[in-house]
């Protein structure tokens, strides 16, 4: 029987500086970035990217989540950001026994 691990990841969501109408979602603990046509779409794409990355890591014999921090200035932007409702991601493969809660926050552009 495996133990299920729980992780809380911060996602910074902000308007794309060079593409009107597009939003960036940046998982700060994994330094993983996605883009979508709205806050919700960018967050959904980030959740999917986390799942796919975790599965690929497991397929390579690595830990599901490879933590590497985003640059300090991105963490600084999180301090003034508005919190949104959290998003829970269950990493589905049997080999991956982790639950991930994504804590999204919206920051202003640039």
PDB file of N, CA and C in Angstrom:
ATOM      1  N   UNK A   1       0.843  -1.188   0.000  1.00  0.00           N
ATOM      2  CA  UNK A   1       0.000   0.000   0.000  1.00  0.00           C
ATOM      3  C   UNK A   1       0.884   1.245   0.000  1.00  0.00           C
ATOM      4  N   UNK A   2       0.582   2.184  -0.850  1.00  0.00           N
ATOM      5  CA  UNK A   2       1.394   3.399  -0.943  1.00  0.00           C
ATOM      6  C   UNK A   2       0.767   4.537  -0.150  1.00  0.00           C
ATOM      7  N   UNK A   3       1.611   5.415   0.297  1.00  0.00           N
ATOM      8  CA  UNK A   3       1.149   6.600   1.015  1.00  0.00           C
ATOM      9  C   UNK A   3       0.943   7.720   0.020  1.00  0.00           C
ATOM     10  N   UNK A   4      -0.170   8.398   0.139  1.00  0.00           N
ATOM     11  CA  UNK A   4      -0.455   9.516  -0.760  1.00  0.00           C
ATOM     12  C   UNK A   4       0.143  10.778  -0.167  1.00  0.00           C
ATOM     13  N   UNK A   5       0.995  11.441  -0.940  1.00  0.00           N
ATOM     14  CA  UNK A   5       1.611  12.694  -0.517  1.00  0.00           C
ATOM     15  C   UNK A   5       0.739  13.857  -0.969  1.00  0.00           C
ATOM     16  N   UNK A   6       0.783  14.933  -0.228  1.00  0.00           N
ATOM     17  CA  UNK A   6       0.020  16.126  -0.590  1.00  0.00           C
ATOM     18  C   UNK A   6       0.992  17.298  -0.722  1.00  0.00           C
ATOM     19  N   UNK A   7       0.863  18.016  -1.813  1.00  0.00           N
ATOM     20  CA  UNK A   7       1.716  19.170  -2.090  1.00  0.00           C
ATOM     21  C   UNK A   7       0.831  20.375  -2.362  1.00  0.00           C
ATOM     22  N   UNK A   8       1.246  21.538  -1.920  1.00  0.00           N
ATOM     23  CA  UNK A   8       0.553  22.782  -2.239  1.00  0.00           C
ATOM     24  C   UNK A   8       1.499  23.621  -3.078  1.00  0.00           C
ATOM     25  N   UNK A   9       1.058  23.948  -4.284  1.00  0.00           N
ATOM     26  CA  UNK A   9       1.872  24.707  -5.232  1.00  0.00           C
ATOM     27  C   UNK A   9       1.232  26.060  -5.491  1.00  0.00           C
ATOM     28  N   UNK A  10       2.039  27.084  -5.577  1.00  0.00           N
ATOM     29  CA  UNK A  10       1.556  28.434  -5.875  1.00  0.00           C
ATOM     30  C   UNK A  10       1.601  28.690  -7.374  1.00  0.00           C
ATOM     31  N   UNK A  11       0.506  29.206  -7.906  1.00  0.00           N
ATOM     32  CA  UNK A  11       0.439  29.578  -9.321  1.00  0.00           C
ATOM     33  C   UNK A  11       0.195  31.074  -9.409  1.00  0.00           C
ATOM     34  N   UNK A  12       1.089  31.771 -10.047  1.00  0.00           N
ATOM     35  CA  UNK A  12       0.946  33.203 -10.280  1.00  0.00           C
ATOM     36  C   UNK A  12       0.325  33.374 -11.660  1.00  0.00           C
ATOM     37  N   UNK A  13      -0.817  34.063 -11.726  1.00  0.00           N
ATOM     38  CA  UNK A  13      -1.532  34.253 -12.989  1.00  0.00           C
ATOM     39  C   UNK A  13      -1.561  35.743 -13.295  1.00  0.00           C
ATOM     40  N   UNK A  14      -1.164  36.087 -14.520  1.00  0.00           N
ATOM     41  CA  UNK A  14      -1.110  37.498 -14.888  1.00  0.00           C
ATOM     42  C   UNK A  14      -1.267  37.654 -16.401  1.00  0.00           C
ATOM     43  N   UNK A  15      -1.705  38.848 -16.848  1.00  0.00           N
ATOM     44  CA  UNK A  15      -1.867  39.079 -18.293  1.00  0.00           C
ATOM     45  C   UNK A  15      -0.525  38.971 -19.008  1.00  0.00           C
ATOM     46  N   UNK A  16      -0.536  38.340 -20.169  1.00  0.00           N
ATOM     47  CA  UNK A  16       0.683  38.254 -20.975  1.00  0.00           C
ATOM     48  C   UNK A  16       1.081  39.660 -21.405  1.00  0.00           C
ATOM     49  N   UNK A  17       2.307  40.060 -21.147  1.00  0.00           N
ATOM     50  CA  UNK A  17       2.703  41.439 -21.434  1.00  0.00           C
ATOM     51  C   UNK A  17       2.718  41.793 -22.923  1.00  0.00           C
ATOM     52  N   UNK A  18       2.885  40.792 -23.795  1.00  0.00           N
ATOM     53  CA  UNK A  18       3.025  41.083 -25.220  1.00  0.00           C
ATOM     54  C   UNK A  18       1.906  40.508 -26.092  1.00  0.00           C
ATOM     55  N   UNK A  19       0.912  39.854 -25.473  1.00  0.00           N
ATOM     56  CA  UNK A  19      -0.189  39.262 -26.241  1.00  0.00           C
ATOM     57  C   UNK A  19      -1.525  39.637 -25.613  1.00  0.00           C
ATOM     58  N   UNK A  20      -2.208  40.636 -26.160  1.00  0.00           N
ATOM     59  CA  UNK A  20      -3.496  41.060 -25.599  1.00  0.00           C
ATOM     60  C   UNK A  20      -4.491  39.901 -25.518  1.00  0.00           C
ATOM     61  N   UNK A  21      -5.176  39.801 -24.387  1.00  0.00           N
ATOM     62  CA  UNK A  21      -6.179  38.764 -24.192  1.00  0.00           C
ATOM     63  C   UNK A  21      -5.631  37.435 -23.703  1.00  0.00           C
ATOM     64  N   UNK A  22      -4.329  37.277 -23.686  1.00  0.00           N
ATOM     65  CA  UNK A  22      -3.721  36.038 -23.219  1.00  0.00           C
ATOM     66  C   UNK A  22      -3.241  36.198 -21.779  1.00  0.00           C
ATOM     67  N   UNK A  23      -3.271  35.097 -21.037  1.00  0.00           N
ATOM     68  CA  UNK A  23      -2.843  35.089 -19.640  1.00  0.00           C
ATOM     69  C   UNK A  23      -1.761  34.046 -19.436  1.00  0.00           C
ATOM     70  N   UNK A  24      -0.863  34.331 -18.520  1.00  0.00           N
ATOM     71  CA  UNK A  24       0.230  33.435 -18.150  1.00  0.00           C
ATOM     72  C   UNK A  24      -0.107  32.808 -16.802  1.00  0.00           C
ATOM     73  N   UNK A  25       0.140  31.507 -16.647  1.00  0.00           N
ATOM     74  CA  UNK A  25       0.040  30.820 -15.358  1.00  0.00           C
ATOM     75  C   UNK A  25       1.417  30.227 -15.077  1.00  0.00           C
ATOM     76  N   UNK A  26       1.978  30.584 -13.927  1.00  0.00           N
ATOM     77  CA  UNK A  26       3.346  30.200 -13.591  1.00  0.00           C
ATOM     78  C   UNK A  26       3.345  29.482 -12.242  1.00  0.00           C
ATOM     79  N   UNK A  27       3.653  28.183 -12.236  1.00  0.00           N
ATOM     80  CA  UNK A  27       3.790  27.422 -10.994  1.00  0.00           C
ATOM     81  C   UNK A  27       5.175  27.737 -10.434  1.00  0.00           C
ATOM     82  N   UNK A  28       5.210  28.424  -9.300  1.00  0.00           N
ATOM     83  CA  UNK A  28       6.469  28.942  -8.774  1.00  0.00           C
ATOM     84  C   UNK A  28       7.390  27.861  -8.217  1.00  0.00           C
ATOM     85  N   UNK A  29       6.842  26.823  -7.611  1.00  0.00           N
ATOM     86  CA  UNK A  29       7.689  25.772  -7.048  1.00  0.00           C
ATOM     87  C   UNK A  29       8.338  24.898  -8.121  1.00  0.00           C
ATOM     88  N   UNK A  30       7.671  24.747  -9.260  1.00  0.00           N
ATOM     89  CA  UNK A  30       8.188  23.912 -10.345  1.00  0.00           C
ATOM     90  C   UNK A  30       8.793  24.741 -11.467  1.00  0.00           C
ATOM     91  N   UNK A  31       8.632  26.062 -11.407  1.00  0.00           N
ATOM     92  CA  UNK A  31       9.040  26.988 -12.464  1.00  0.00           C
ATOM     93  C   UNK A  31       8.507  26.518 -13.818  1.00  0.00           C
ATOM     94  N   UNK A  32       7.217  26.179 -13.824  1.00  0.00           N
ATOM     95  CA  UNK A  32       6.523  25.697 -15.008  1.00  0.00           C
ATOM     96  C   UNK A  32       5.534  26.773 -15.447  1.00  0.00           C
ATOM     97  N   UNK A  33       5.551  27.115 -16.730  1.00  0.00           N
ATOM     98  CA  UNK A  33       4.752  28.234 -17.248  1.00  0.00           C
ATOM     99  C   UNK A  33       3.863  27.771 -18.398  1.00  0.00           C
ATOM    100  N   UNK A  34       2.585  28.226 -18.375  1.00  0.00           N
ATOM    101  CA  UNK A  34       1.674  27.993 -19.489  1.00  0.00           C
ATOM    102  C   UNK A  34       0.980  29.301 -19.845  1.00  0.00           C
ATOM    103  N   UNK A  35       0.247  29.262 -20.939  1.00  0.00           N
ATOM    104  CA  UNK A  35      -0.445  30.458 -21.428  1.00  0.00           C
ATOM    105  C   UNK A  35      -1.797  30.044 -21.973  1.00  0.00           C
ATOM    106  N   UNK A  36      -2.812  30.898 -21.766  1.00  0.00           N
ATOM    107  CA  UNK A  36      -4.134  30.590 -22.286  1.00  0.00           C
ATOM    108  C   UNK A  36      -4.965  31.842 -22.465  1.00  0.00           C
ATOM    109  N   UNK A  37      -6.104  31.723 -23.170  1.00  0.00           N
ATOM    110  CA  UNK A  37      -6.963  32.878 -23.463  1.00  0.00           C
ATOM    111  C   UNK A  37      -7.891  33.228 -22.304  1.00  0.00           C
ATOM    112  N   UNK A  38      -7.339  33.466 -21.150  1.00  0.00           N
ATOM    113  CA  UNK A  38      -8.104  33.814 -19.951  1.00  0.00           C
ATOM    114  C   UNK A  38      -7.463  33.183 -18.728  1.00  0.00           C
ATOM    115  N   UNK A  39      -7.838  33.687 -17.555  1.00  0.00           N
ATOM    116  CA  UNK A  39      -7.264  33.174 -16.311  1.00  0.00           C
ATOM    117  C   UNK A  39      -7.557  31.683 -16.133  1.00  0.00           C
ATOM    118  N   UNK A  40      -8.821  31.307 -16.327  1.00  0.00           N
ATOM    119  CA  UNK A  40      -9.216  29.911 -16.140  1.00  0.00           C
ATOM    120  C   UNK A  40      -8.524  28.967 -17.104  1.00  0.00           C
ATOM    121  N   UNK A  41      -8.434  29.371 -18.358  1.00  0.00           N
ATOM    122  CA  UNK A  41      -7.788  28.530 -19.366  1.00  0.00           C
ATOM    123  C   UNK A  41      -6.308  28.351 -19.057  1.00  0.00           C
ATOM    124  N   UNK A  42      -5.650  29.430 -18.654  1.00  0.00           N
ATOM    125  CA  UNK A  42      -4.226  29.342 -18.316  1.00  0.00           C
ATOM    126  C   UNK A  42      -4.015  28.413 -17.119  1.00  0.00           C
ATOM    127  N   UNK A  43      -4.908  28.492 -16.125  1.00  0.00           N
ATOM    128  CA  UNK A  43      -4.801  27.635 -14.945  1.00  0.00           C
ATOM    129  C   UNK A  43      -5.061  26.171 -15.307  1.00  0.00           C
ATOM    130  N   UNK A  44      -6.059  25.911 -16.155  1.00  0.00           N
ATOM    131  CA  UNK A  44      -6.325  24.542 -16.602  1.00  0.00           C
ATOM    132  C   UNK A  44      -5.128  23.964 -17.341  1.00  0.00           C
ATOM    133  N   UNK A  45      -4.534  24.782 -18.197  1.00  0.00           N
ATOM    134  CA  UNK A  45      -3.365  24.323 -18.946  1.00  0.00           C
ATOM    135  C   UNK A  45      -2.198  24.042 -18.002  1.00  0.00           C
ATOM    136  N   UNK A  46      -2.075  24.836 -16.947  1.00  0.00           N
ATOM    137  CA  UNK A  46      -1.014  24.604 -15.973  1.00  0.00           C
ATOM    138  C   UNK A  46      -1.239  23.283 -15.241  1.00  0.00           C
ATOM    139  N   UNK A  47      -2.477  23.026 -14.837  1.00  0.00           N
ATOM    140  CA  UNK A  47      -2.792  21.757 -14.163  1.00  0.00           C
ATOM    141  C   UNK A  47      -2.451  20.574 -15.076  1.00  0.00           C
ATOM    142  N   UNK A  48      -2.810  20.690 -16.347  1.00  0.00           N
ATOM    143  CA  UNK A  48      -2.502  19.624 -17.305  1.00  0.00           C
ATOM    144  C   UNK A  48      -0.991  19.470 -17.492  1.00  0.00           C
ATOM    145  N   UNK A  49      -0.279  20.585 -17.547  1.00  0.00           N
ATOM    146  CA  UNK A  49       1.178  20.530 -17.703  1.00  0.00           C
ATOM    147  C   UNK A  49       1.836  19.860 -16.496  1.00  0.00           C
ATOM    148  N   UNK A  50       1.314  20.131 -15.300  1.00  0.00           N
ATOM    149  CA  UNK A  50       1.850  19.492 -14.095  1.00  0.00           C
ATOM    150  C   UNK A  50       1.629  17.985 -14.168  1.00  0.00           C
ATOM    151  N   UNK A  51       0.422  17.570 -14.556  1.00  0.00           N
ATOM    152  CA  UNK A  51       0.118  16.142 -14.678  1.00  0.00           C
ATOM    153  C   UNK A  51       1.025  15.463 -15.702  1.00  0.00           C
ATOM    154  N   UNK A  52       1.167  16.061 -16.882  1.00  0.00           N
ATOM    155  CA  UNK A  52       1.985  15.470 -17.937  1.00  0.00           C
ATOM    156  C   UNK A  52       3.456  15.413 -17.543  1.00  0.00           C
ATOM    157  N   UNK A  53       3.935  16.474 -16.918  1.00  0.00           N
ATOM    158  CA  UNK A  53       5.329  16.510 -16.478  1.00  0.00           C
ATOM    159  C   UNK A  53       5.586  15.448 -15.417  1.00  0.00           C
ATOM    160  N   UNK A  54       4.654  15.306 -14.470  1.00  0.00           N
ATOM    161  CA  UNK A  54       4.794  14.294 -13.419  1.00  0.00           C
ATOM    162  C   UNK A  54       4.835  12.892 -14.018  1.00  0.00           C
ATOM    163  N   UNK A  55       3.947  12.624 -14.962  1.00  0.00           N
ATOM    164  CA  UNK A  55       3.923  11.297 -15.583  1.00  0.00           C
ATOM    165  C   UNK A  55       5.220  11.026 -16.336  1.00  0.00           C
ATOM    166  N   UNK A  56       5.712  12.014 -17.058  1.00  0.00           N
ATOM    167  CA  UNK A  56       6.973  11.856 -17.791  1.00  0.00           C
ATOM    168  C   UNK A  56       8.128  11.604 -16.825  1.00  0.00           C
ATOM    169  N   UNK A  57       8.152  12.325 -15.703  1.00  0.00           N
ATOM    170  CA  UNK A  57       9.204  12.107 -14.706  1.00  0.00           C
ATOM    171  C   UNK A  57       9.166  10.669 -14.187  1.00  0.00           C
ATOM    172  N   UNK A  58       7.983  10.166 -13.886  1.00  0.00           N
ATOM    173  CA  UNK A  58       7.841   8.793 -13.387  1.00  0.00           C
ATOM    174  C   UNK A  58       8.274   7.794 -14.456  1.00  0.00           C
ATOM    175  N   UNK A  59       7.899   8.045 -15.707  1.00  0.00           N
ATOM    176  CA  UNK A  59       8.311   7.162 -16.798  1.00  0.00           C
ATOM    177  C   UNK A  59       9.827   7.081 -16.922  1.00  0.00           C
ATOM    178  N   UNK A  60      10.514   8.139 -16.520  1.00  0.00           N
ATOM    179  CA  UNK A  60      11.985   8.178 -16.571  1.00  0.00           C
ATOM    180  C   UNK A  60      12.628   7.666 -15.283  1.00  0.00           C
ATOM    181  N   UNK A  61      11.794   7.177 -14.355  1.00  0.00           N
ATOM    182  CA  UNK A  61      12.323   6.648 -13.108  1.00  0.00           C
ATOM    183  C   UNK A  61      12.675   7.715 -12.079  1.00  0.00           C
ATOM    184  N   UNK A  62      12.115   8.902 -12.234  1.00  0.00           N
ATOM    185  CA  UNK A  62      12.388  10.008 -11.318  1.00  0.00           C
ATOM    186  C   UNK A  62      11.186  10.230 -10.409  1.00  0.00           C
ATOM    187  N   UNK A  63      11.354  11.095  -9.402  1.00  0.00           N
ATOM    188  CA  UNK A  63      10.221  11.506  -8.588  1.00  0.00           C
ATOM    189  C   UNK A  63       9.232  12.252  -9.477  1.00  0.00           C
ATOM    190  N   UNK A  64       7.958  12.125  -9.161  1.00  0.00           N
ATOM    191  CA  UNK A  64       6.913  12.745  -9.982  1.00  0.00           C
ATOM    192  C   UNK A  64       7.093  14.252 -10.092  1.00  0.00           C
ATOM    193  N   UNK A  65       7.328  14.903  -8.977  1.00  0.00           N
ATOM    194  CA  UNK A  65       7.497  16.359  -8.985  1.00  0.00           C
ATOM    195  C   UNK A  65       8.964  16.715  -8.750  1.00  0.00           C
ATOM    196  N   UNK A  66       9.532  17.413  -9.685  1.00  0.00           N
ATOM    197  CA  UNK A  66      10.920  17.871  -9.593  1.00  0.00           C
ATOM    198  C   UNK A  66      10.889  19.346  -9.229  1.00  0.00           C
ATOM    199  N   UNK A  67      11.088  19.638  -7.947  1.00  0.00           N
ATOM    200  CA  UNK A  67      10.975  21.013  -7.472  1.00  0.00           C
ATOM    201  C   UNK A  67      12.202  21.821  -7.874  1.00  0.00           C
ATOM    202  N   UNK A  68      11.938  22.978  -8.488  1.00  0.00           N
ATOM    203  CA  UNK A  68      12.969  23.970  -8.794  1.00  0.00           C
ATOM    204  C   UNK A  68      12.267  25.322  -8.748  1.00  0.00           C
ATOM    205  N   UNK A  69      12.792  26.182  -8.004  1.00  0.00           N
ATOM    206  CA  UNK A  69      12.108  27.443  -7.714  1.00  0.00           C
ATOM    207  C   UNK A  69      12.174  28.440  -8.865  1.00  0.00           C
ATOM    208  N   UNK A  70      11.090  29.186  -9.012  1.00  0.00           N
ATOM    209  CA  UNK A  70      11.046  30.299  -9.961  1.00  0.00           C
ATOM    210  C   UNK A  70      11.989  31.396  -9.465  1.00  0.00           C
ATOM    211  N   UNK A  71      12.357  32.336 -10.313  1.00  0.00           N
ATOM    212  CA  UNK A  71      13.215  33.449  -9.884  1.00  0.00           C
ATOM    213  C   UNK A  71      12.581  34.258  -8.751  1.00  0.00           C
ATOM    214  N   UNK A  72      13.420  34.863  -7.947  1.00  0.00           N
ATOM    215  CA  UNK A  72      12.991  35.625  -6.775  1.00  0.00           C
ATOM    216  C   UNK A  72      11.966  36.705  -7.117  1.00  0.00           C
ATOM    217  N   UNK A  73      12.127  37.383  -8.250  1.00  0.00           N
ATOM    218  CA  UNK A  73      11.193  38.463  -8.599  1.00  0.00           C
ATOM    219  C   UNK A  73       9.774  37.941  -8.823  1.00  0.00           C
ATOM    220  N   UNK A  74       9.642  36.696  -9.285  1.00  0.00           N
ATOM    221  CA  UNK A  74       8.307  36.109  -9.446  1.00  0.00           C
ATOM    222  C   UNK A  74       7.676  35.832  -8.079  1.00  0.00           C
ATOM    223  N   UNK A  75       8.452  35.379  -7.122  1.00  0.00           N
ATOM    224  CA  UNK A  75       7.949  35.177  -5.760  1.00  0.00           C
ATOM    225  C   UNK A  75       7.546  36.512  -5.143  1.00  0.00           C
ATOM    226  N   UNK A  76       8.269  37.579  -5.445  1.00  0.00           N
ATOM    227  CA  UNK A  76       7.934  38.907  -4.929  1.00  0.00           C
ATOM    228  C   UNK A  76       6.580  39.364  -5.463  1.00  0.00           C
ATOM    229  N   UNK A  77       6.281  39.069  -6.721  1.00  0.00           N
ATOM    230  CA  UNK A  77       4.993  39.442  -7.312  1.00  0.00           C
ATOM    231  C   UNK A  77       3.834  38.737  -6.619  1.00  0.00           C
ATOM    232  N   UNK A  78       4.082  37.545  -6.089  1.00  0.00           N
ATOM    233  CA  UNK A  78       3.037  36.788  -5.413  1.00  0.00           C
ATOM    234  C   UNK A  78       2.531  37.503  -4.162  1.00  0.00           C
ATOM    235  N   UNK A  79       3.407  38.250  -3.502  1.00  0.00           N
ATOM    236  CA  UNK A  79       3.040  38.928  -2.254  1.00  0.00           C
ATOM    237  C   UNK A  79       1.885  39.914  -2.441  1.00  0.00           C
ATOM    238  N   UNK A  80       1.813  40.587  -3.567  1.00  0.00           N
ATOM    239  CA  UNK A  80       0.753  41.565  -3.794  1.00  0.00           C
ATOM    240  C   UNK A  80      -0.406  41.039  -4.615  1.00  0.00           C
ATOM    241  N   UNK A  81      -0.407  39.742  -4.916  1.00  0.00           N
ATOM    242  CA  UNK A  81      -1.422  39.170  -5.794  1.00  0.00           C
ATOM    243  C   UNK A  81      -2.692  38.808  -5.024  1.00  0.00           C
ATOM    244  N   UNK A  82      -3.808  38.789  -5.749  1.00  0.00           N
ATOM    245  CA  UNK A  82      -5.118  38.435  -5.184  1.00  0.00           C
ATOM    246  C   UNK A  82      -5.317  36.926  -5.284  1.00  0.00           C
ATOM    247  N   UNK A  83      -5.609  36.282  -4.155  1.00  0.00           N
ATOM    248  CA  UNK A  83      -5.817  34.823  -4.129  1.00  0.00           C
ATOM    249  C   UNK A  83      -7.123  34.447  -4.829  1.00  0.00           C
ATOM    250  N   UNK A  84      -7.089  33.331  -5.525  1.00  0.00           N
ATOM    251  CA  UNK A  84      -8.271  32.764  -6.169  1.00  0.00           C
ATOM    252  C   UNK A  84      -8.605  31.438  -5.479  1.00  0.00           C
ATOM    253  N   UNK A  85      -9.655  30.789  -5.917  1.00  0.00           N
ATOM    254  CA  UNK A  85     -10.029  29.486  -5.380  1.00  0.00           C
ATOM    255  C   UNK A  85      -8.971  28.461  -5.780  1.00  0.00           C
ATOM    256  N   UNK A  86      -8.616  27.584  -4.838  1.00  0.00           N
ATOM    257  CA  UNK A  86      -7.592  26.586  -5.122  1.00  0.00           C
ATOM    258  C   UNK A  86      -8.089  25.551  -6.122  1.00  0.00           C
ATOM    259  N   UNK A  87      -7.164  24.898  -6.761  1.00  0.00           N
ATOM    260  CA  UNK A  87      -7.450  23.864  -7.765  1.00  0.00           C
ATOM    261  C   UNK A  87      -6.705  22.615  -7.345  1.00  0.00           C
ATOM    262  N   UNK A  88      -7.407  21.505  -7.165  1.00  0.00           N
ATOM    263  CA  UNK A  88      -6.776  20.257  -6.750  1.00  0.00           C
ATOM    264  C   UNK A  88      -6.543  19.393  -7.982  1.00  0.00           C
ATOM    265  N   UNK A  89      -5.349  18.832  -8.069  1.00  0.00           N
ATOM    266  CA  UNK A  89      -4.976  17.939  -9.155  1.00  0.00           C
ATOM    267  C   UNK A  89      -4.601  16.605  -8.525  1.00  0.00           C
ATOM    268  N   UNK A  90      -5.245  15.540  -8.962  1.00  0.00           N
ATOM    269  CA  UNK A  90      -4.883  14.201  -8.515  1.00  0.00           C
ATOM    270  C   UNK A  90      -4.043  13.583  -9.622  1.00  0.00           C
ATOM    271  N   UNK A  91      -2.803  13.310  -9.321  1.00  0.00           N
ATOM    272  CA  UNK A  91      -1.937  12.703 -10.315  1.00  0.00           C
ATOM    273  C   UNK A  91      -2.338  11.230 -10.412  1.00  0.00           C
ATOM    274  N   UNK A  92      -2.860  10.797 -11.571  1.00  0.00           N
ATOM    275  CA  UNK A  92      -3.640   9.579 -11.668  1.00  0.00           C
ATOM    276  C   UNK A  92      -2.903   8.247 -11.703  1.00  0.00           C
ATOM    277  N   UNK A  93      -1.699   8.181 -12.208  1.00  0.00           N
ATOM    278  CA  UNK A  93      -1.039   6.888 -12.390  1.00  0.00           C
ATOM    279  C   UNK A  93      -0.756   6.223 -11.048  1.00  0.00           C
ATOM    280  N   UNK A  94      -0.810   4.892 -11.021  1.00  0.00           N
ATOM    281  CA  UNK A  94      -0.567   4.166  -9.772  1.00  0.00           C
ATOM    282  C   UNK A  94       0.803   4.477  -9.195  1.00  0.00           C
ATOM    283  N   UNK A  95       1.782   4.674 -10.068  1.00  0.00           N
ATOM    284  CA  UNK A  95       3.136   4.939  -9.607  1.00  0.00           C
ATOM    285  C   UNK A  95       3.254   6.309  -8.933  1.00  0.00           C
ATOM    286  N   UNK A  96       2.306   7.192  -9.255  1.00  0.00           N
ATOM    287  CA  UNK A  96       2.336   8.538  -8.700  1.00  0.00           C
ATOM    288  C   UNK A  96       1.325   8.598  -7.581  1.00  0.00           C
ATOM    289  N   UNK A  97       1.780   8.753  -6.383  1.00  0.00           N
ATOM    290  CA  UNK A  97       0.873   8.763  -5.231  1.00  0.00           C
ATOM    291  C   UNK A  97       0.837  10.148  -4.611  1.00  0.00           C
ATOM    292  N   UNK A  98       0.614  11.135  -5.413  1.00  0.00           N
ATOM    293  CA  UNK A  98       0.624  12.511  -4.928  1.00  0.00           C
ATOM    294  C   UNK A  98      -0.682  13.207  -5.272  1.00  0.00           C
ATOM    295  N   UNK A  99      -1.136  14.058  -4.366  1.00  0.00           N
ATOM    296  CA  UNK A  99      -2.216  14.984  -4.639  1.00  0.00           C
ATOM    297  C   UNK A  99      -1.594  16.369  -4.624  1.00  0.00           C
ATOM    298  N   UNK A 100      -1.962  17.172  -5.585  1.00  0.00           N
ATOM    299  CA  UNK A 100      -1.410  18.516  -5.691  1.00  0.00           C
ATOM    300  C   UNK A 100      -2.541  19.525  -5.582  1.00  0.00           C
ATOM    301  N   UNK A 101      -2.390  20.495  -4.709  1.00  0.00           N
ATOM    302  CA  UNK A 101      -3.323  21.604  -4.628  1.00  0.00           C
ATOM    303  C   UNK A 101      -2.620  22.810  -5.221  1.00  0.00           C
ATOM    304  N   UNK A 102      -3.215  23.389  -6.240  1.00  0.00           N
ATOM    305  CA  UNK A 102      -2.660  24.587  -6.863  1.00  0.00           C
ATOM    306  C   UNK A 102      -3.370  25.780  -6.244  1.00  0.00           C
ATOM    307  N   UNK A 103      -2.591  26.696  -5.697  1.00  0.00           N
ATOM    308  CA  UNK A 103      -3.137  27.895  -5.064  1.00  0.00           C
ATOM    309  C   UNK A 103      -2.887  29.058  -6.026  1.00  0.00           C
ATOM    310  N   UNK A 104      -3.893  29.414  -6.861  1.00  0.00           N
ATOM    311  CA  UNK A 104      -3.684  30.488  -7.833  1.00  0.00           C
ATOM    312  C   UNK A 104      -3.867  31.867  -7.234  1.00  0.00           C
ATOM    313  N   UNK A 105      -3.065  32.800  -7.704  1.00  0.00           N
ATOM    314  CA  UNK A 105      -3.164  34.209  -7.318  1.00  0.00           C
ATOM    315  C   UNK A 105      -2.987  35.054  -8.566  1.00  0.00           C
ATOM    316  N   UNK A 106      -3.794  36.089  -8.704  1.00  0.00           N
ATOM    317  CA  UNK A 106      -3.731  36.965  -9.869  1.00  0.00           C
ATOM    318  C   UNK A 106      -2.890  38.181  -9.543  1.00  0.00           C
ATOM    319  N   UNK A 107      -1.923  38.458 -10.407  1.00  0.00           N
ATOM    320  CA  UNK A 107      -1.061  39.625 -10.244  1.00  0.00           C
ATOM    321  C   UNK A 107      -1.282  40.557 -11.417  1.00  0.00           C
ATOM    322  N   UNK A 108      -0.940  41.800 -11.226  1.00  0.00           N
ATOM    323  CA  UNK A 108      -1.045  42.768 -12.316  1.00  0.00           C
ATOM    324  C   UNK A 108       0.057  42.499 -13.336  1.00  0.00           C
ATOM    325  N   UNK A 109      -0.107  43.051 -14.522  1.00  0.00           N
ATOM    326  CA  UNK A 109       0.884  42.857 -15.583  1.00  0.00           C
ATOM    327  C   UNK A 109       2.205  43.464 -15.171  1.00  0.00           C
ATOM    328  N   UNK A 110       3.293  42.801 -15.671  1.00  0.00           N
ATOM    329  CA  UNK A 110       4.651  43.289 -15.520  1.00  0.00           C
ATOM    330  C   UNK A 110       5.008  43.684 -14.183  1.00  0.00           C
TER     331      UNK A 110
END
